[in-house]
Amino acid sequence: MSSANKKHMQGGMNTTYSNVNTEDERNKKAEELLFQAWETAGYHGQPDEDYYPRTAQETRDMEDLLTQAEAAIDDPSDTELMEVMADTREVLEWSKQRHWTFAWWIIICVAIMGCYYFYQAGSEQDYVAKRQALTDEQVQTELSEAITRQQSYIDTYSQKLAVDTISEETRSLYEKYMENATEEIKELKAYNVETYKKHLVDRADAGVWRERWEAIWCFIWIVLYIFACRPRGYMITKRRHEDKMATGLKKILFGIAGALVGAAGALYVTTTITKWSDGSKTRDDDSMIIYAMKFGLITLAVIIVLWAARIVIVIATLLGLLRNYDWKQLAKDPKAMLNDLK
């Protein structure tokens, strides 16, 4: 990608237009039309700002005036004017075209989540196979244990409810737990060995499909996100302030994750050497605790970034689909749909 294109992808240029020669009569009409084109642009000649259109209408108006200016050129030897004309045309072409604006970190993080769910689905599938391989005795044992477990919950809730000093809110909560446990034990007692085994297999199989759908949805969101993040150039210019805010939020997110990783790296194992009266020495350290803390902090940092990406991809996709495509116009003229999506 050329340096000029890189400037456009950032929605800004270093070029200024203040040096166009207006003191002679050469190409006077062309210059006037060019200035009108600049005045049509979004920043309207503000100091140190660039002449970029920020709406489709501004882009069309600016292009129409520039085309008239190009047609009004009488003396093409005015190299300064010709260069500025070409530069303005480049701005317009960039503004009309669609550009990929998706963030790779979001795609990578959501793809990792999708792969994780597929891996979990495989683990659940193994669990289904184990459920299917249970003998009648094992099924009966699991059923009895489930009934006993629910009965212990009911006994505990009964003891809690027997206390007169608990608040009404707490009492209401325990009564709800009691009701759920009672209903659960009623359902368990209705099972026999055959039906309970089927219940175990079905529940495990539901877990497989839940994980698979989680994975599939991750990759569907990635496709939608990439498609949604194709604004035309003038929309990039219009949303430049929001992009700066988004960049700032991303820095904060990675700053938090980096701080957690840094905290993990700052933890060191402490070794304590004890010398006893008989001259022997013993050595103790807190390596297990320190390594567990390191792992926990790094895991927390990764989880924060991954889940933030899952949230951001949904928001960015919905906003991108609403902002970057004129769905009403597409519905009115389906034939123009493919051209508009290009």
Foldseek 3Di string as FASTA:
>chain_A
DDPLVVCLVLVADPDDDPPDDQPDDALNVLVVLLLVLQCLADVRPDPPGDRAHQDPVNLVSSVVSLVVSVVSHDDPVSVSVVVVSVSVVVRSVQQAFWDFDDDVLLLVLLLVLLVVLLVVLVVLVVVLVVLVPDDLVRLVVVLVVLLVVLVVLLVVLVVVLVDPPDDPVVVVVSVVSNVVSVVVNVVSVPDHSVVSSVVSSVVSNVSSVVSNVSSVVSVVLSVLLRLLRTAGSSNCNNCSVVVVVVVVVVCVLVVQLVVLLVVLVPDDKDKDWDADPVGDIDIDIDVVVSVVSSVVSNVVSSVSSSVVSVVVSVVSSVVSNVPRDDVVVCVVPVVCVVVSSD
